[in-house]
C-alpha cells in the first residue's frame, strides 16, 4: 500500500525552477537528471525534482568546493 502522507508532504520543482535556483540552464538540469546526479520523477513528458534533493545536492556541492585551509609549520 502507498503511504500517501509521505507524498503530501513532498514538494516538487519543475526543471525550470531547479535551473533558476541553481543558476544553470535547463539543459544542465536535464543532464544531471539523466546522469543520475539529481533524482527526478517523470510525469508524462516532463520531470519533477524533489525540493529536498536540490537542497541536498547544493549542500554537498558547497562542501566539495570549500577551500582547503593549510596551517604552515614553523
PDB file of N, CA and C in Angstrom:
ATOM      1  N   UNK A   1       0.841  -1.185   0.000  1.00  0.00           N
ATOM      2  CA  UNK A   1       0.000   0.000   0.000  1.00  0.00           C
ATOM      3  C   UNK A   1       0.889   1.252   0.000  1.00  0.00           C
ATOM      4  N   UNK A   2       0.486   2.268  -0.697  1.00  0.00           N
ATOM      5  CA  UNK A   2       1.257   3.500  -0.820  1.00  0.00           C
ATOM      6  C   UNK A   2       0.986   4.406   0.376  1.00  0.00           C
ATOM      7  N   UNK A   3       2.063   4.954   0.943  1.00  0.00           N
ATOM      8  CA  UNK A   3       1.941   5.887   2.069  1.00  0.00           C
ATOM      9  C   UNK A   3       1.684   7.285   1.507  1.00  0.00           C
ATOM     10  N   UNK A   4       0.410   7.676   1.420  1.00  0.00           N
ATOM     11  CA  UNK A   4       0.041   8.959   0.823  1.00  0.00           C
ATOM     12  C   UNK A   4       0.535  10.148   1.634  1.00  0.00           C
ATOM     13  N   UNK A   5       0.679  10.004   2.932  1.00  0.00           N
ATOM     14  CA  UNK A   5       1.152  11.105   3.764  1.00  0.00           C
ATOM     15  C   UNK A   5       2.550  11.551   3.331  1.00  0.00           C
ATOM     16  N   UNK A   6       3.379  10.601   2.967  1.00  0.00           N
ATOM     17  CA  UNK A   6       4.724  10.918   2.507  1.00  0.00           C
ATOM     18  C   UNK A   6       4.690  11.771   1.253  1.00  0.00           C
ATOM     19  N   UNK A   7       3.776  11.485   0.354  1.00  0.00           N
ATOM     20  CA  UNK A   7       3.674  12.230  -0.891  1.00  0.00           C
ATOM     21  C   UNK A   7       3.048  13.601  -0.684  1.00  0.00           C
ATOM     22  N   UNK A   8       2.145  13.717   0.257  1.00  0.00           N
ATOM     23  CA  UNK A   8       1.508  15.009   0.531  1.00  0.00           C
ATOM     24  C   UNK A   8       2.509  16.010   1.095  1.00  0.00           C
ATOM     25  N   UNK A   9       3.500  15.525   1.824  1.00  0.00           N
ATOM     26  CA  UNK A   9       4.499  16.404   2.429  1.00  0.00           C
ATOM     27  C   UNK A   9       5.625  16.770   1.470  1.00  0.00           C
ATOM     28  N   UNK A  10       5.738  16.057   0.376  1.00  0.00           N
ATOM     29  CA  UNK A  10       6.818  16.295  -0.582  1.00  0.00           C
ATOM     30  C   UNK A  10       6.486  17.493  -1.466  1.00  0.00           C
ATOM     31  N   UNK A  11       7.506  18.264  -1.773  1.00  0.00           N
ATOM     32  CA  UNK A  11       7.362  19.411  -2.670  1.00  0.00           C
ATOM     33  C   UNK A  11       8.255  19.169  -3.877  1.00  0.00           C
ATOM     34  N   UNK A  12       7.679  19.277  -5.052  1.00  0.00           N
ATOM     35  CA  UNK A  12       8.406  19.015  -6.281  1.00  0.00           C
ATOM     36  C   UNK A  12       8.580  20.301  -7.076  1.00  0.00           C
ATOM     37  N   UNK A  13       9.724  20.407  -7.750  1.00  0.00           N
ATOM     38  CA  UNK A  13      10.035  21.574  -8.564  1.00  0.00           C
ATOM     39  C   UNK A  13      10.105  21.169 -10.028  1.00  0.00           C
ATOM     40  N   UNK A  14       9.766  22.098 -10.900  1.00  0.00           N
ATOM     41  CA  UNK A  14       9.934  21.857 -12.333  1.00  0.00           C
ATOM     42  C   UNK A  14      11.407  22.006 -12.679  1.00  0.00           C
ATOM     43  N   UNK A  15      11.768  21.542 -13.859  1.00  0.00           N
ATOM     44  CA  UNK A  15      13.154  21.686 -14.320  1.00  0.00           C
ATOM     45  C   UNK A  15      13.529  23.164 -14.393  1.00  0.00           C
ATOM     46  N   UNK A  16      12.620  23.998 -14.838  1.00  0.00           N
ATOM     47  CA  UNK A  16      12.886  25.440 -14.928  1.00  0.00           C
ATOM     48  C   UNK A  16      13.134  26.037 -13.543  1.00  0.00           C
ATOM     49  N   UNK A  17      12.362  25.611 -12.549  1.00  0.00           N
ATOM     50  CA  UNK A  17      12.559  26.117 -11.189  1.00  0.00           C
ATOM     51  C   UNK A  17      13.894  25.671 -10.613  1.00  0.00           C
ATOM     52  N   UNK A  18      14.278  24.425 -10.898  1.00  0.00           N
ATOM     53  CA  UNK A  18      15.573  23.918 -10.431  1.00  0.00           C
ATOM     54  C   UNK A  18      16.701  24.706 -11.099  1.00  0.00           C
ATOM     55  N   UNK A  19      16.588  24.915 -12.389  1.00  0.00           N
ATOM     56  CA  UNK A  19      17.612  25.666 -13.129  1.00  0.00           C
ATOM     57  C   UNK A  19      17.762  27.071 -12.568  1.00  0.00           C
ATOM     58  N   UNK A  20      16.668  27.705 -12.253  1.00  0.00           N
ATOM     59  CA  UNK A  20      16.716  29.058 -11.704  1.00  0.00           C
ATOM     60  C   UNK A  20      17.360  29.049 -10.318  1.00  0.00           C
ATOM     61  N   UNK A  21      17.001  28.093  -9.483  1.00  0.00           N
ATOM     62  CA  UNK A  21      17.557  28.012  -8.133  1.00  0.00           C
ATOM     63  C   UNK A  21      19.060  27.740  -8.154  1.00  0.00           C
ATOM     64  N   UNK A  22      19.495  26.918  -9.118  1.00  0.00           N
ATOM     65  CA  UNK A  22      20.906  26.539  -9.199  1.00  0.00           C
ATOM     66  C   UNK A  22      21.704  27.480 -10.097  1.00  0.00           C
ATOM     67  N   UNK A  23      20.996  28.382 -10.782  1.00  0.00           N
ATOM     68  CA  UNK A  23      21.621  29.330 -11.710  1.00  0.00           C
ATOM     69  C   UNK A  23      22.381  28.618 -12.821  1.00  0.00           C
ATOM     70  N   UNK A  24      21.707  27.630 -13.395  1.00  0.00           N
ATOM     71  CA  UNK A  24      22.234  26.900 -14.542  1.00  0.00           C
ATOM     72  C   UNK A  24      21.129  26.825 -15.587  1.00  0.00           C
ATOM     73  N   UNK A  25      21.456  26.280 -16.750  1.00  0.00           N
ATOM     74  CA  UNK A  25      20.443  26.153 -17.791  1.00  0.00           C
ATOM     75  C   UNK A  25      19.552  24.938 -17.536  1.00  0.00           C
ATOM     76  N   UNK A  26      18.408  24.937 -18.190  1.00  0.00           N
ATOM     77  CA  UNK A  26      17.512  23.784 -18.085  1.00  0.00           C
ATOM     78  C   UNK A  26      18.190  22.536 -18.641  1.00  0.00           C
ATOM     79  N   UNK A  27      18.989  22.700 -19.684  1.00  0.00           N
ATOM     80  CA  UNK A  27      19.692  21.556 -20.270  1.00  0.00           C
ATOM     81  C   UNK A  27      20.655  20.937 -19.257  1.00  0.00           C
ATOM     82  N   UNK A  28      21.289  21.753 -18.451  1.00  0.00           N
ATOM     83  CA  UNK A  28      22.183  21.238 -17.405  1.00  0.00           C
ATOM     84  C   UNK A  28      21.403  20.399 -16.410  1.00  0.00           C
ATOM     85  N   UNK A  29      20.222  20.846 -16.039  1.00  0.00           N
ATOM     86  CA  UNK A  29      19.384  20.084 -15.106  1.00  0.00           C
ATOM     87  C   UNK A  29      18.979  18.760 -15.744  1.00  0.00           C
ATOM     88  N   UNK A  30      18.568  18.787 -17.012  1.00  0.00           N
ATOM     89  CA  UNK A  30      18.217  17.538 -17.700  1.00  0.00           C
ATOM     90  C   UNK A  30      19.398  16.576 -17.724  1.00  0.00           C
ATOM     91  N   UNK A  31      20.595  17.090 -17.976  1.00  0.00           N
ATOM     92  CA  UNK A  31      21.788  16.234 -17.984  1.00  0.00           C
ATOM     93  C   UNK A  31      22.016  15.611 -16.612  1.00  0.00           C
ATOM     94  N   UNK A  32      21.842  16.406 -15.559  1.00  0.00           N
ATOM     95  CA  UNK A  32      22.029  15.910 -14.194  1.00  0.00           C
ATOM     96  C   UNK A  32      21.015  14.816 -13.872  1.00  0.00           C
ATOM     97  N   UNK A  33      19.786  15.004 -14.313  1.00  0.00           N
ATOM     98  CA  UNK A  33      18.736  14.008 -14.079  1.00  0.00           C
ATOM     99  C   UNK A  33      19.071  12.717 -14.827  1.00  0.00           C
ATOM    100  N   UNK A  34      19.427  12.837 -16.094  1.00  0.00           N
ATOM    101  CA  UNK A  34      19.718  11.649 -16.904  1.00  0.00           C
ATOM    102  C   UNK A  34      20.982  10.929 -16.431  1.00  0.00           C
ATOM    103  N   UNK A  35      21.930  11.671 -15.864  1.00  0.00           N
ATOM    104  CA  UNK A  35      23.167  11.065 -15.350  1.00  0.00           C
ATOM    105  C   UNK A  35      22.962  10.421 -13.979  1.00  0.00           C
ATOM    106  N   UNK A  36      21.809  10.713 -13.354  1.00  0.00           N
ATOM    107  CA  UNK A  36      21.550  10.157 -12.031  1.00  0.00           C
ATOM    108  C   UNK A  36      22.111  10.998 -10.897  1.00  0.00           C
ATOM    109  N   UNK A  37      22.626  12.189 -11.222  1.00  0.00           N
ATOM    110  CA  UNK A  37      23.166  13.078 -10.191  1.00  0.00           C
ATOM    111  C   UNK A  37      22.059  13.771  -9.399  1.00  0.00           C
ATOM    112  N   UNK A  38      20.890  13.864  -9.985  1.00  0.00           N
ATOM    113  CA  UNK A  38      19.756  14.531  -9.361  1.00  0.00           C
ATOM    114  C   UNK A  38      18.525  13.654  -9.575  1.00  0.00           C
ATOM    115  N   UNK A  39      17.907  13.165  -8.498  1.00  0.00           N
ATOM    116  CA  UNK A  39      16.731  12.305  -8.668  1.00  0.00           C
ATOM    117  C   UNK A  39      15.538  13.109  -9.186  1.00  0.00           C
ATOM    118  N   UNK A  40      14.705  12.456  -9.963  1.00  0.00           N
ATOM    119  CA  UNK A  40      13.523  13.112 -10.508  1.00  0.00           C
ATOM    120  C   UNK A  40      12.437  12.079 -10.754  1.00  0.00           C
ATOM    121  N   UNK A  41      11.210  12.569 -10.804  1.00  0.00           N
ATOM    122  CA  UNK A  41      10.049  11.744 -11.102  1.00  0.00           C
ATOM    123  C   UNK A  41       9.510  12.224 -12.438  1.00  0.00           C
ATOM    124  N   UNK A  42       9.168  11.293 -13.280  1.00  0.00           N
ATOM    125  CA  UNK A  42       8.648  11.661 -14.595  1.00  0.00           C
ATOM    126  C   UNK A  42       7.124  11.676 -14.570  1.00  0.00           C
ATOM    127  N   UNK A  43       6.547  12.782 -15.028  1.00  0.00           N
ATOM    128  CA  UNK A  43       5.103  12.927 -15.177  1.00  0.00           C
ATOM    129  C   UNK A  43       4.835  13.165 -16.655  1.00  0.00           C
ATOM    130  N   UNK A  44       4.410  12.128 -17.342  1.00  0.00           N
ATOM    131  CA  UNK A  44       4.214  12.259 -18.786  1.00  0.00           C
ATOM    132  C   UNK A  44       5.545  12.518 -19.458  1.00  0.00           C
ATOM    133  N   UNK A  45       5.670  13.660 -20.104  1.00  0.00           N
ATOM    134  CA  UNK A  45       6.922  14.005 -20.789  1.00  0.00           C
ATOM    135  C   UNK A  45       7.782  14.956 -19.978  1.00  0.00           C
ATOM    136  N   UNK A  46       7.339  15.355 -18.807  1.00  0.00           N
ATOM    137  CA  UNK A  46       8.110  16.300 -18.003  1.00  0.00           C
ATOM    138  C   UNK A  46       8.636  15.639 -16.730  1.00  0.00           C
ATOM    139  N   UNK A  47       9.612  16.284 -16.131  1.00  0.00           N
ATOM    140  CA  UNK A  47      10.210  15.804 -14.899  1.00  0.00           C
ATOM    141  C   UNK A  47       9.884  16.747 -13.763  1.00  0.00           C
ATOM    142  N   UNK A  48       9.815  16.187 -12.549  1.00  0.00           N
ATOM    143  CA  UNK A  48       9.698  16.970 -11.333  1.00  0.00           C
ATOM    144  C   UNK A  48      10.792  16.487 -10.399  1.00  0.00           C
ATOM    145  N   UNK A  49      11.460  17.431  -9.769  1.00  0.00           N
ATOM    146  CA  UNK A  49      12.584  17.122  -8.889  1.00  0.00           C
ATOM    147  C   UNK A  49      12.175  17.448  -7.456  1.00  0.00           C
ATOM    148  N   UNK A  50      12.384  16.516  -6.533  1.00  0.00           N
ATOM    149  CA  UNK A  50      12.053  16.810  -5.137  1.00  0.00           C
ATOM    150  C   UNK A  50      12.888  17.991  -4.631  1.00  0.00           C
ATOM    151  N   UNK A  51      12.222  18.929  -3.995  1.00  0.00           N
ATOM    152  CA  UNK A  51      12.893  20.119  -3.478  1.00  0.00           C
ATOM    153  C   UNK A  51      14.038  19.735  -2.530  1.00  0.00           C
ATOM    154  N   UNK A  52      13.795  18.729  -1.709  1.00  0.00           N
ATOM    155  CA  UNK A  52      14.822  18.277  -0.761  1.00  0.00           C
ATOM    156  C   UNK A  52      16.076  17.775  -1.488  1.00  0.00           C
ATOM    157  N   UNK A  53      15.903  17.127  -2.637  1.00  0.00           N
ATOM    158  CA  UNK A  53      17.039  16.629  -3.407  1.00  0.00           C
ATOM    159  C   UNK A  53      17.899  17.779  -3.926  1.00  0.00           C
ATOM    160  N   UNK A  54      17.273  18.869  -4.334  1.00  0.00           N
ATOM    161  CA  UNK A  54      18.016  20.041  -4.801  1.00  0.00           C
ATOM    162  C   UNK A  54      18.807  20.637  -3.643  1.00  0.00           C
ATOM    163  N   UNK A  55      18.165  20.771  -2.491  1.00  0.00           N
ATOM    164  CA  UNK A  55      18.848  21.315  -1.314  1.00  0.00           C
ATOM    165  C   UNK A  55      20.047  20.449  -0.936  1.00  0.00           C
ATOM    166  N   UNK A  56      19.856  19.128  -0.914  1.00  0.00           N
ATOM    167  CA  UNK A  56      20.946  18.217  -0.550  1.00  0.00           C
ATOM    168  C   UNK A  56      22.080  18.278  -1.568  1.00  0.00           C
ATOM    169  N   UNK A  57      21.755  18.389  -2.832  1.00  0.00           N
ATOM    170  CA  UNK A  57      22.780  18.479  -3.871  1.00  0.00           C
ATOM    171  C   UNK A  57      23.608  19.749  -3.702  1.00  0.00           C
ATOM    172  N   UNK A  58      22.929  20.868  -3.471  1.00  0.00           N
ATOM    173  CA  UNK A  58      23.635  22.139  -3.322  1.00  0.00           C
ATOM    174  C   UNK A  58      24.528  22.145  -2.088  1.00  0.00           C
ATOM    175  N   UNK A  59      24.066  21.563  -0.995  1.00  0.00           N
ATOM    176  CA  UNK A  59      24.883  21.486   0.221  1.00  0.00           C
ATOM    177  C   UNK A  59      26.113  20.621  -0.035  1.00  0.00           C
ATOM    178  N   UNK A  60      25.923  19.475  -0.687  1.00  0.00           N
ATOM    179  CA  UNK A  60      27.043  18.582  -0.982  1.00  0.00           C
ATOM    180  C   UNK A  60      28.064  19.258  -1.888  1.00  0.00           C
ATOM    181  N   UNK A  61      27.591  19.979  -2.901  1.00  0.00           N
ATOM    182  CA  UNK A  61      28.496  20.677  -3.809  1.00  0.00           C
ATOM    183  C   UNK A  61      29.224  21.812  -3.107  1.00  0.00           C
ATOM    184  N   UNK A  62      28.546  22.470  -2.191  1.00  0.00           N
ATOM    185  CA  UNK A  62      29.168  23.565  -1.441  1.00  0.00           C
ATOM    186  C   UNK A  62      30.315  23.025  -0.596  1.00  0.00           C
ATOM    187  N   UNK A  63      30.103  21.879   0.033  1.00  0.00           N
ATOM    188  CA  UNK A  63      31.157  21.274   0.849  1.00  0.00           C
ATOM    189  C   UNK A  63      32.304  20.778  -0.023  1.00  0.00           C
ATOM    190  N   UNK A  64      31.993  20.258  -1.193  1.00  0.00           N
ATOM    191  CA  UNK A  64      33.025  19.758  -2.091  1.00  0.00           C
ATOM    192  C   UNK A  64      33.882  20.898  -2.645  1.00  0.00           C
ATOM    193  N   UNK A  65      33.296  22.085  -2.789  1.00  0.00           N
ATOM    194  CA  UNK A  65      34.004  23.216  -3.353  1.00  0.00           C
ATOM    195  C   UNK A  65      34.673  24.086  -2.300  1.00  0.00           C
ATOM    196  N   UNK A  66      34.503  23.727  -1.014  1.00  0.00           N
ATOM    197  CA  UNK A  66      35.081  24.542   0.053  1.00  0.00           C
ATOM    198  C   UNK A  66      36.593  24.528  -0.041  1.00  0.00           C
ATOM    199  N   UNK A  67      37.236  25.690   0.135  1.00  0.00           N
ATOM    200  CA  UNK A  67      38.696  25.755   0.058  1.00  0.00           C
ATOM    201  C   UNK A  67      39.342  25.008   1.230  1.00  0.00           C
ATOM    202  N   UNK A  68      40.501  24.455   0.956  1.00  0.00           N
ATOM    203  CA  UNK A  68      41.248  23.739   1.982  1.00  0.00           C
ATOM    204  C   UNK A  68      42.203  24.729   2.643  1.00  0.00           C
ATOM    205  N   UNK A  69      42.109  24.849   3.957  1.00  0.00           N
ATOM    206  CA  UNK A  69      42.985  25.745   4.700  1.00  0.00           C
ATOM    207  C   UNK A  69      44.142  24.934   5.263  1.00  0.00           C
ATOM    208  N   UNK A  70      45.340  25.355   4.917  1.00  0.00           N
ATOM    209  CA  UNK A  70      46.531  24.644   5.409  1.00  0.00           C
ATOM    210  C   UNK A  70      47.239  25.507   6.429  1.00  0.00           C
ATOM    211  N   UNK A  71      47.672  24.858   7.463  1.00  0.00           N
ATOM    212  CA  UNK A  71      48.414  25.557   8.510  1.00  0.00           C
ATOM    213  C   UNK A  71      49.893  25.375   8.205  1.00  0.00           C
ATOM    214  N   UNK A  72      50.578  26.511   8.085  1.00  0.00           N
ATOM    215  CA  UNK A  72      52.012  26.435   7.779  1.00  0.00           C
ATOM    216  C   UNK A  72      52.784  26.224   9.068  1.00  0.00           C
ATOM    217  N   UNK A  73      53.698  25.278   9.023  1.00  0.00           N
ATOM    218  CA  UNK A  73      54.535  24.997  10.193  1.00  0.00           C
ATOM    219  C   UNK A  73      55.688  25.977  10.279  1.00  0.00           C
ATOM    220  N   UNK A  74      56.307  26.062  11.453  1.00  0.00           N
ATOM    221  CA  UNK A  74      57.418  26.997  11.611  1.00  0.00           C
ATOM    222  C   UNK A  74      58.733  26.408  11.262  1.00  0.00           C
TER     223      UNK A  74
END
